[in-house]
Amino acid sequence: MTAPQRTVGDVIPAELLARLREELEAARDARQTQLDEAPEQDDVSYAFREINEKALEEIDAALERMDAGVYGICERCQSVIQTARLEAVPQTRF
């Protein structure tokens, strides 16, 4: 018999989850603004664009994990991610 799968409500207090969601949404908006305003003329701008696009993907994935109820669970080992790590890097998957 397998143990029931943990969900976000099992591992993260609601207040912390709400704050992390706000932080992720603000970071997503800031990255999108940077992308919208970035010139596309040289290698530096291209690299900057790639970094921001990757960050947006990670942020969106974290928000999707929140919506799915699996945020805060390591994708690799299924252990609970420490709160301090989530606070430092809210989009972390591990």
PDB file of N, CA and C in Angstrom:
ATOM      1  N   MET A   1       0.841  -1.173   0.000  1.00  0.00           N
ATOM      2  CA  MET A   1       0.000   0.000   0.000  1.00  0.00           C
ATOM      3  C   MET A   1       0.892   1.244   0.000  1.00  0.00           C
ATOM      4  N   THR A   2       0.602   2.194  -0.870  1.00  0.00           N
ATOM      5  CA  THR A   2       1.400   3.412  -0.951  1.00  0.00           C
ATOM      6  C   THR A   2       0.783   4.500  -0.091  1.00  0.00           C
ATOM      7  N   ALA A   3       1.662   5.355   0.420  1.00  0.00           N
ATOM      8  CA  ALA A   3       1.200   6.479   1.247  1.00  0.00           C
ATOM      9  C   ALA A   3       0.520   7.506   0.354  1.00  0.00           C
ATOM     10  N   PRO A   4      -0.465   8.211   0.880  1.00  0.00           N
ATOM     11  CA  PRO A   4      -1.109   9.254   0.075  1.00  0.00           C
ATOM     12  C   PRO A   4      -0.092  10.329  -0.287  1.00  0.00           C
ATOM     13  N   GLN A   5      -0.228  10.873  -1.488  1.00  0.00           N
ATOM     14  CA  GLN A   5       0.683  11.914  -1.950  1.00  0.00           C
ATOM     15  C   GLN A   5       0.435  13.196  -1.156  1.00  0.00           C
ATOM     16  N   ARG A   6       1.535  13.838  -0.755  1.00  0.00           N
ATOM     17  CA  ARG A   6       1.421  15.092  -0.018  1.00  0.00           C
ATOM     18  C   ARG A   6       1.002  16.210  -0.961  1.00  0.00           C
ATOM     19  N   THR A   7       0.321  17.184  -0.401  1.00  0.00           N
ATOM     20  CA  THR A   7      -0.064  18.357  -1.171  1.00  0.00           C
ATOM     21  C   THR A   7       0.473  19.603  -0.487  1.00  0.00           C
ATOM     22  N   VAL A   8       0.399  20.711  -1.189  1.00  0.00           N
ATOM     23  CA  VAL A   8       0.927  21.969  -0.684  1.00  0.00           C
ATOM     24  C   VAL A   8       0.339  22.322   0.676  1.00  0.00           C
ATOM     25  N   GLY A   9      -0.903  22.048   0.894  1.00  0.00           N
ATOM     26  CA  GLY A   9      -1.543  22.355   2.172  1.00  0.00           C
ATOM     27  C   GLY A   9      -0.969  21.565   3.329  1.00  0.00           C
ATOM     28  N   ASP A  10      -0.346  20.436   3.018  1.00  0.00           N
ATOM     29  CA  ASP A  10       0.256  19.609   4.057  1.00  0.00           C
ATOM     30  C   ASP A  10       1.609  20.144   4.514  1.00  0.00           C
ATOM     31  N   VAL A  11       2.267  20.942   3.681  1.00  0.00           N
ATOM     32  CA  VAL A  11       3.653  21.297   3.971  1.00  0.00           C
ATOM     33  C   VAL A  11       3.919  22.788   4.137  1.00  0.00           C
ATOM     34  N   ILE A  12       3.054  23.642   3.652  1.00  0.00           N
ATOM     35  CA  ILE A  12       3.299  25.079   3.704  1.00  0.00           C
ATOM     36  C   ILE A  12       2.096  25.784   4.321  1.00  0.00           C
ATOM     37  N   PRO A  13       2.341  26.587   5.359  1.00  0.00           N
ATOM     38  CA  PRO A  13       1.231  27.350   5.947  1.00  0.00           C
ATOM     39  C   PRO A  13       0.597  28.267   4.900  1.00  0.00           C
ATOM     40  N   ALA A  14      -0.694  28.456   4.993  1.00  0.00           N
ATOM     41  CA  ALA A  14      -1.440  29.245   4.007  1.00  0.00           C
ATOM     42  C   ALA A  14      -0.904  30.667   3.872  1.00  0.00           C
ATOM     43  N   GLU A  15      -0.516  31.280   4.989  1.00  0.00           N
ATOM     44  CA  GLU A  15      -0.007  32.658   4.925  1.00  0.00           C
ATOM     45  C   GLU A  15       1.287  32.724   4.123  1.00  0.00           C
ATOM     46  N   LEU A  16       2.175  31.749   4.354  1.00  0.00           N
ATOM     47  CA  LEU A  16       3.438  31.715   3.627  1.00  0.00           C
ATOM     48  C   LEU A  16       3.187  31.445   2.149  1.00  0.00           C
ATOM     49  N   LEU A  17       2.308  30.550   1.860  1.00  0.00           N
ATOM     50  CA  LEU A  17       1.991  30.235   0.465  1.00  0.00           C
ATOM     51  C   LEU A  17       1.449  31.472  -0.254  1.00  0.00           C
ATOM     52  N   ALA A  18       0.580  32.223   0.402  1.00  0.00           N
ATOM     53  CA  ALA A  18       0.027  33.439  -0.207  1.00  0.00           C
ATOM     54  C   ALA A  18       1.124  34.460  -0.459  1.00  0.00           C
ATOM     55  N   ARG A  19       2.050  34.602   0.500  1.00  0.00           N
ATOM     56  CA  ARG A  19       3.145  35.561   0.324  1.00  0.00           C
ATOM     57  C   ARG A  19       4.069  35.137  -0.813  1.00  0.00           C
ATOM     58  N   LEU A  20       4.378  33.840  -0.888  1.00  0.00           N
ATOM     59  CA  LEU A  20       5.242  33.347  -1.963  1.00  0.00           C
ATOM     60  C   LEU A  20       4.573  33.511  -3.323  1.00  0.00           C
ATOM     61  N   ARG A  21       3.265  33.304  -3.378  1.00  0.00           N
ATOM     62  CA  ARG A  21       2.543  33.506  -4.637  1.00  0.00           C
ATOM     63  C   ARG A  21       2.645  34.968  -5.075  1.00  0.00           C
ATOM     64  N   GLU A  22       2.468  35.881  -4.128  1.00  0.00           N
ATOM     65  CA  GLU A  22       2.585  37.306  -4.451  1.00  0.00           C
ATOM     66  C   GLU A  22       3.990  37.637  -4.959  1.00  0.00           C
ATOM     67  N   GLU A  23       5.003  37.085  -4.302  1.00  0.00           N
ATOM     68  CA  GLU A  23       6.385  37.322  -4.727  1.00  0.00           C
ATOM     69  C   GLU A  23       6.634  36.784  -6.135  1.00  0.00           C
ATOM     70  N   LEU A  24       6.136  35.587  -6.396  1.00  0.00           N
ATOM     71  CA  LEU A  24       6.313  34.988  -7.725  1.00  0.00           C
ATOM     72  C   LEU A  24       5.591  35.801  -8.795  1.00  0.00           C
ATOM     73  N   GLU A  25       4.384  36.233  -8.498  1.00  0.00           N
ATOM     74  CA  GLU A  25       3.631  37.028  -9.471  1.00  0.00           C
ATOM     75  C   GLU A  25       4.309  38.368  -9.733  1.00  0.00           C
ATOM     76  N   ALA A  26       4.846  39.003  -8.686  1.00  0.00           N
ATOM     77  CA  ALA A  26       5.567  40.263  -8.860  1.00  0.00           C
ATOM     78  C   ALA A  26       6.840  40.044  -9.676  1.00  0.00           C
ATOM     79  N   ALA A  27       7.546  38.963  -9.397  1.00  0.00           N
ATOM     80  CA  ALA A  27       8.769  38.653 -10.151  1.00  0.00           C
ATOM     81  C   ALA A  27       8.438  38.373 -11.615  1.00  0.00           C
ATOM     82  N   ARG A  28       7.338  37.668 -11.839  1.00  0.00           N
ATOM     83  CA  ARG A  28       6.921  37.393 -13.215  1.00  0.00           C
ATOM     84  C   ARG A  28       6.608  38.695 -13.950  1.00  0.00           C
ATOM     85  N   ASP A  29       5.893  39.589 -13.310  1.00  0.00           N
ATOM     86  CA  ASP A  29       5.551  40.866 -13.938  1.00  0.00           C
ATOM     87  C   ASP A  29       6.798  41.691 -14.236  1.00  0.00           C
ATOM     88  N   ALA A  30       7.746  41.693 -13.294  1.00  0.00           N
ATOM     89  CA  ALA A  30       8.986  42.456 -13.494  1.00  0.00           C
ATOM     90  C   ALA A  30       9.798  41.877 -14.645  1.00  0.00           C
ATOM     91  N   ARG A  31       9.925  40.565 -14.694  1.00  0.00           N
ATOM     92  CA  ARG A  31      10.674  39.923 -15.791  1.00  0.00           C
ATOM     93  C   ARG A  31      10.002  40.191 -17.139  1.00  0.00           C
ATOM     94  N   GLN A  32       8.689  40.129 -17.161  1.00  0.00           N
ATOM     95  CA  GLN A  32       7.975  40.370 -18.414  1.00  0.00           C
ATOM     96  C   GLN A  32       8.185  41.811 -18.874  1.00  0.00           C
ATOM     97  N   THR A  33       8.155  42.747 -17.945  1.00  0.00           N
ATOM     98  CA  THR A  33       8.409  44.149 -18.286  1.00  0.00           C
ATOM     99  C   THR A  33       9.812  44.317 -18.842  1.00  0.00           C
ATOM    100  N   GLN A  34      10.785  43.675 -18.221  1.00  0.00           N
ATOM    101  CA  GLN A  34      12.159  43.741 -18.720  1.00  0.00           C
ATOM    102  C   GLN A  34      12.246  43.191 -20.136  1.00  0.00           C
ATOM    103  N   LEU A  35      11.568  42.098 -20.386  1.00  0.00           N
ATOM    104  CA  LEU A  35      11.575  41.517 -21.734  1.00  0.00           C
ATOM    105  C   LEU A  35      10.912  42.447 -22.741  1.00  0.00           C
ATOM    106  N   ASP A  36       9.804  43.030 -22.343  1.00  0.00           N
ATOM    107  CA  ASP A  36       9.074  43.922 -23.241  1.00  0.00           C
ATOM    108  C   ASP A  36       9.885  45.156 -23.603  1.00  0.00           C
ATOM    109  N   GLU A  37      10.731  45.596 -22.675  1.00  0.00           N
ATOM    110  CA  GLU A  37      11.491  46.823 -22.887  1.00  0.00           C
ATOM    111  C   GLU A  37      12.912  46.589 -23.387  1.00  0.00           C
ATOM    112  N   ALA A  38      13.348  45.346 -23.450  1.00  0.00           N
ATOM    113  CA  ALA A  38      14.736  45.041 -23.830  1.00  0.00           C
ATOM    114  C   ALA A  38      14.937  45.189 -25.338  1.00  0.00           C
ATOM    115  N   PRO A  39      16.046  45.818 -25.725  1.00  0.00           N
ATOM    116  CA  PRO A  39      16.378  45.875 -27.150  1.00  0.00           C
ATOM    117  C   PRO A  39      16.841  44.494 -27.618  1.00  0.00           C
ATOM    118  N   GLU A  40      16.730  44.244 -28.904  1.00  0.00           N
ATOM    119  CA  GLU A  40      17.115  42.940 -29.449  1.00  0.00           C
ATOM    120  C   GLU A  40      18.267  43.077 -30.444  1.00  0.00           C
ATOM    121  N   GLN A  41      19.187  43.995 -30.205  1.00  0.00           N
ATOM    122  CA  GLN A  41      20.152  44.325 -31.231  1.00  0.00           C
ATOM    123  C   GLN A  41      21.499  43.635 -31.114  1.00  0.00           C
ATOM    124  N   ASP A  42      21.913  43.205 -29.933  1.00  0.00           N
ATOM    125  CA  ASP A  42      23.270  42.672 -29.811  1.00  0.00           C
ATOM    126  C   ASP A  42      23.292  41.393 -28.982  1.00  0.00           C
ATOM    127  N   ASP A  43      24.490  40.800 -28.863  1.00  0.00           N
ATOM    128  CA  ASP A  43      24.634  39.549 -28.133  1.00  0.00           C
ATOM    129  C   ASP A  43      24.280  39.678 -26.653  1.00  0.00           C
ATOM    130  N   VAL A  44      24.628  40.803 -26.058  1.00  0.00           N
ATOM    131  CA  VAL A  44      24.318  41.013 -24.646  1.00  0.00           C
ATOM    132  C   VAL A  44      22.805  41.056 -24.446  1.00  0.00           C
ATOM    133  N   SER A  45      22.110  41.770 -25.300  1.00  0.00           N
ATOM    134  CA  SER A  45      20.655  41.842 -25.205  1.00  0.00           C
ATOM    135  C   SER A  45      20.022  40.477 -25.432  1.00  0.00           C
ATOM    136  N   TYR A  46      20.593  39.712 -26.356  1.00  0.00           N
ATOM    137  CA  TYR A  46      20.083  38.371 -26.635  1.00  0.00           C
ATOM    138  C   TYR A  46      20.254  37.479 -25.398  1.00  0.00           C
ATOM    139  N   ALA A  47      21.429  37.538 -24.769  1.00  0.00           N
ATOM    140  CA  ALA A  47      21.688  36.733 -23.568  1.00  0.00           C
ATOM    141  C   ALA A  47      20.765  37.161 -22.426  1.00  0.00           C
ATOM    142  N   PHE A  48      20.592  38.462 -22.258  1.00  0.00           N
ATOM    143  CA  PHE A  48      19.698  38.996 -21.236  1.00  0.00           C
ATOM    144  C   PHE A  48      18.284  38.470 -21.458  1.00  0.00           C
ATOM    145  N   ARG A  49      17.872  38.455 -22.697  1.00  0.00           N
ATOM    146  CA  ARG A  49      16.537  37.984 -23.066  1.00  0.00           C
ATOM    147  C   ARG A  49      16.374  36.504 -22.715  1.00  0.00           C
ATOM    148  N   GLU A  50      17.384  35.707 -23.028  1.00  0.00           N
ATOM    149  CA  GLU A  50      17.322  34.273 -22.721  1.00  0.00           C
ATOM    150  C   GLU A  50      17.222  34.026 -21.217  1.00  0.00           C
ATOM    151  N   ILE A  51      18.001  34.777 -20.430  1.00  0.00           N
ATOM    152  CA  ILE A  51      17.970  34.633 -18.977  1.00  0.00           C
ATOM    153  C   ILE A  51      16.583  34.965 -18.437  1.00  0.00           C
ATOM    154  N   ASN A  52      15.999  36.042 -18.914  1.00  0.00           N
ATOM    155  CA  ASN A  52      14.664  36.442 -18.450  1.00  0.00           C
ATOM    156  C   ASN A  52      13.596  35.450 -18.899  1.00  0.00           C
ATOM    157  N   GLU A  53      13.718  34.919 -20.102  1.00  0.00           N
ATOM    158  CA  GLU A  53      12.744  33.930 -20.576  1.00  0.00           C
ATOM    159  C   GLU A  53      12.803  32.663 -19.732  1.00  0.00           C
ATOM    160  N   LYS A  54      14.016  32.212 -19.394  1.00  0.00           N
ATOM    161  CA  LYS A  54      14.180  31.026 -18.546  1.00  0.00           C
ATOM    162  C   LYS A  54      13.599  31.290 -17.155  1.00  0.00           C
ATOM    163  N   ALA A  55      13.865  32.471 -16.606  1.00  0.00           N
ATOM    164  CA  ALA A  55      13.318  32.821 -15.289  1.00  0.00           C
ATOM    165  C   ALA A  55      11.794  32.829 -15.316  1.00  0.00           C
ATOM    166  N   LEU A  56      11.217  33.367 -16.387  1.00  0.00           N
ATOM    167  CA  LEU A  56       9.753  33.365 -16.520  1.00  0.00           C
ATOM    168  C   LEU A  56       9.199  31.948 -16.561  1.00  0.00           C
ATOM    169  N   GLU A  57       9.866  31.060 -17.274  1.00  0.00           N
ATOM    170  CA  GLU A  57       9.429  29.659 -17.334  1.00  0.00           C
ATOM    171  C   GLU A  57       9.434  29.035 -15.942  1.00  0.00           C
ATOM    172  N   GLU A  58      10.494  29.288 -15.170  1.00  0.00           N
ATOM    173  CA  GLU A  58      10.595  28.727 -13.827  1.00  0.00           C
ATOM    174  C   GLU A  58       9.519  29.296 -12.903  1.00  0.00           C
ATOM    175  N   ILE A  59       9.264  30.582 -13.019  1.00  0.00           N
ATOM    176  CA  ILE A  59       8.231  31.220 -12.194  1.00  0.00           C
ATOM    177  C   ILE A  59       6.852  30.676 -12.554  1.00  0.00           C
ATOM    178  N   ASP A  60       6.566  30.593 -13.850  1.00  0.00           N
ATOM    179  CA  ASP A  60       5.267  30.061 -14.277  1.00  0.00           C
ATOM    180  C   ASP A  60       5.090  28.616 -13.825  1.00  0.00           C
ATOM    181  N   ALA A  61       6.161  27.830 -13.883  1.00  0.00           N
ATOM    182  CA  ALA A  61       6.082  26.438 -13.437  1.00  0.00           C
ATOM    183  C   ALA A  61       5.791  26.369 -11.936  1.00  0.00           C
ATOM    184  N   ALA A  62       6.398  27.260 -11.155  1.00  0.00           N
ATOM    185  CA  ALA A  62       6.136  27.283  -9.713  1.00  0.00           C
ATOM    186  C   ALA A  62       4.681  27.637  -9.436  1.00  0.00           C
ATOM    187  N   LEU A  63       4.158  28.613 -10.157  1.00  0.00           N
ATOM    188  CA  LEU A  63       2.749  28.988  -9.976  1.00  0.00           C
ATOM    189  C   LEU A  63       1.827  27.836 -10.384  1.00  0.00           C
ATOM    190  N   GLU A  64       2.193  27.112 -11.420  1.00  0.00           N
ATOM    191  CA  GLU A  64       1.400  25.942 -11.825  1.00  0.00           C
ATOM    192  C   GLU A  64       1.445  24.859 -10.745  1.00  0.00           C
ATOM    193  N   ARG A  65       2.616  24.665 -10.120  1.00  0.00           N
ATOM    194  CA  ARG A  65       2.702  23.687  -9.030  1.00  0.00           C
ATOM    195  C   ARG A  65       1.826  24.116  -7.858  1.00  0.00           C
ATOM    196  N   MET A  66       1.776  25.425  -7.585  1.00  0.00           N
ATOM    197  CA  MET A  66       0.888  25.915  -6.517  1.00  0.00           C
ATOM    198  C   MET A  66      -0.554  25.570  -6.847  1.00  0.00           C
ATOM    199  N   ASP A  67      -0.953  25.857  -8.084  1.00  0.00           N
ATOM    200  CA  ASP A  67      -2.335  25.586  -8.498  1.00  0.00           C
ATOM    201  C   ASP A  67      -2.659  24.094  -8.449  1.00  0.00           C
ATOM    202  N   ALA A  68      -1.656  23.263  -8.736  1.00  0.00           N
ATOM    203  CA  ALA A  68      -1.854  21.815  -8.739  1.00  0.00           C
ATOM    204  C   ALA A  68      -1.773  21.213  -7.335  1.00  0.00           C
ATOM    205  N   GLY A  69      -1.339  22.028  -6.358  1.00  0.00           N
ATOM    206  CA  GLY A  69      -1.257  21.548  -4.986  1.00  0.00           C
ATOM    207  C   GLY A  69      -0.004  20.751  -4.680  1.00  0.00           C
ATOM    208  N   VAL A  70       1.027  20.861  -5.506  1.00  0.00           N
ATOM    209  CA  VAL A  70       2.258  20.100  -5.272  1.00  0.00           C
ATOM    210  C   VAL A  70       3.470  21.002  -5.040  1.00  0.00           C
ATOM    211  N   TYR A  71       3.241  22.281  -4.870  1.00  0.00           N
ATOM    212  CA  TYR A  71       4.328  23.219  -4.597  1.00  0.00           C
ATOM    213  C   TYR A  71       4.945  22.880  -3.247  1.00  0.00           C
ATOM    214  N   GLY A  72       6.272  22.942  -3.169  1.00  0.00           N
ATOM    215  CA  GLY A  72       6.952  22.659  -1.909  1.00  0.00           C
ATOM    216  C   GLY A  72       7.359  21.213  -1.754  1.00  0.00           C
ATOM    217  N   ILE A  73       7.088  20.404  -2.763  1.00  0.00           N
ATOM    218  CA  ILE A  73       7.502  19.008  -2.779  1.00  0.00           C
ATOM    219  C   ILE A  73       8.589  18.859  -3.842  1.00  0.00           C
ATOM    220  N   CYS A  74       9.735  18.303  -3.456  1.00  0.00           N
ATOM    221  CA  CYS A  74      10.862  18.134  -4.375  1.00  0.00           C
ATOM    222  C   CYS A  74      10.455  17.227  -5.540  1.00  0.00           C
ATOM    223  N   GLU A  75      10.707  17.687  -6.746  1.00  0.00           N
ATOM    224  CA  GLU A  75      10.363  16.886  -7.926  1.00  0.00           C
ATOM    225  C   GLU A  75      11.243  15.659  -8.061  1.00  0.00           C
ATOM    226  N   ARG A  76      12.415  15.686  -7.478  1.00  0.00           N
ATOM    227  CA  ARG A  76      13.354  14.581  -7.603  1.00  0.00           C
ATOM    228  C   ARG A  76      13.060  13.469  -6.598  1.00  0.00           C
ATOM    229  N   CYS A  77      12.937  13.838  -5.312  1.00  0.00           N
ATOM    230  CA  CYS A  77      12.835  12.810  -4.264  1.00  0.00           C
ATOM    231  C   CYS A  77      11.486  12.794  -3.541  1.00  0.00           C
ATOM    232  N   GLN A  78      10.610  13.739  -3.859  1.00  0.00           N
ATOM    233  CA  GLN A  78       9.276  13.840  -3.262  1.00  0.00           C
ATOM    234  C   GLN A  78       9.293  14.226  -1.786  1.00  0.00           C
ATOM    235  N   SER A  79      10.441  14.714  -1.288  1.00  0.00           N
ATOM    236  CA  SER A  79      10.527  15.205   0.086  1.00  0.00           C
ATOM    237  C   SER A  79      10.021  16.641   0.143  1.00  0.00           C
ATOM    238  N   VAL A  80       9.709  17.091   1.333  1.00  0.00           N
ATOM    239  CA  VAL A  80       9.290  18.463   1.539  1.00  0.00           C
ATOM    240  C   VAL A  80      10.512  19.375   1.386  1.00  0.00           C
ATOM    241  N   ILE A  81      10.364  20.434   0.618  1.00  0.00           N
ATOM    242  CA  ILE A  81      11.427  21.426   0.473  1.00  0.00           C
ATOM    243  C   ILE A  81      11.373  22.322   1.703  1.00  0.00           C
ATOM    244  N   GLN A  82      12.522  22.591   2.293  1.00  0.00           N
ATOM    245  CA  GLN A  82      12.567  23.407   3.500  1.00  0.00           C
ATOM    246  C   GLN A  82      12.007  24.801   3.228  1.00  0.00           C
ATOM    247  N   THR A  83      11.285  25.317   4.204  1.00  0.00           N
ATOM    248  CA  THR A  83      10.665  26.633   4.097  1.00  0.00           C
ATOM    249  C   THR A  83      11.696  27.716   3.786  1.00  0.00           C
ATOM    250  N   ALA A  84      12.855  27.653   4.434  1.00  0.00           N
ATOM    251  CA  ALA A  84      13.890  28.662   4.198  1.00  0.00           C
ATOM    252  C   ALA A  84      14.318  28.670   2.735  1.00  0.00           C
ATOM    253  N   ARG A  85      14.396  27.502   2.121  1.00  0.00           N
ATOM    254  CA  ARG A  85      14.771  27.432   0.696  1.00  0.00           C
ATOM    255  C   ARG A  85      13.673  28.031  -0.169  1.00  0.00           C
ATOM    256  N   LEU A  86      12.432  27.729   0.130  1.00  0.00           N
ATOM    257  CA  LEU A  86      11.320  28.293  -0.636  1.00  0.00           C
ATOM    258  C   LEU A  86      11.276  29.813  -0.504  1.00  0.00           C
ATOM    259  N   GLU A  87      11.581  30.307   0.678  1.00  0.00           N
ATOM    260  CA  GLU A  87      11.590  31.754   0.871  1.00  0.00           C
ATOM    261  C   GLU A  87      12.738  32.399   0.094  1.00  0.00           C
ATOM    262  N   ALA A  88      13.882  31.720   0.032  1.00  0.00           N
ATOM    263  CA  ALA A  88      15.043  32.268  -0.672  1.00  0.00           C
ATOM    264  C   ALA A  88      14.886  32.168  -2.177  1.00  0.00           C
ATOM    265  N   VAL A  89      14.334  31.043  -2.643  1.00  0.00           N
ATOM    266  CA  VAL A  89      14.182  30.792  -4.078  1.00  0.00           C
ATOM    267  C   VAL A  89      12.784  30.210  -4.293  1.00  0.00           C
ATOM    268  N   PRO A  90      11.756  31.060  -4.348  1.00  0.00           N
ATOM    269  CA  PRO A  90      10.384  30.540  -4.385  1.00  0.00           C
ATOM    270  C   PRO A  90      10.067  29.676  -5.606  1.00  0.00           C
ATOM    271  N   GLN A  91      10.816  29.805  -6.675  1.00  0.00           N
ATOM    272  CA  GLN A  91      10.532  29.008  -7.855  1.00  0.00           C
ATOM    273  C   GLN A  91      11.258  27.661  -7.869  1.00  0.00           C
ATOM    274  N   THR A  92      11.984  27.337  -6.782  1.00  0.00           N
ATOM    275  CA  THR A  92      12.755  26.103  -6.756  1.00  0.00           C
ATOM    276  C   THR A  92      11.875  24.874  -6.922  1.00  0.00           C
ATOM    277  N   ARG A  93      12.442  23.878  -7.578  1.00  0.00           N
ATOM    278  CA  ARG A  93      11.739  22.603  -7.772  1.00  0.00           C
ATOM    279  C   ARG A  93      12.356  21.510  -6.917  1.00  0.00           C
ATOM    280  N   PHE A  94      13.530  21.794  -6.333  1.00  0.00           N
ATOM    281  CA  PHE A  94      14.288  20.767  -5.612  1.00  0.00           C
ATOM    282  C   PHE A  94      14.639  21.229  -4.211  1.00  0.00           C
TER     283      PHE A  94
END
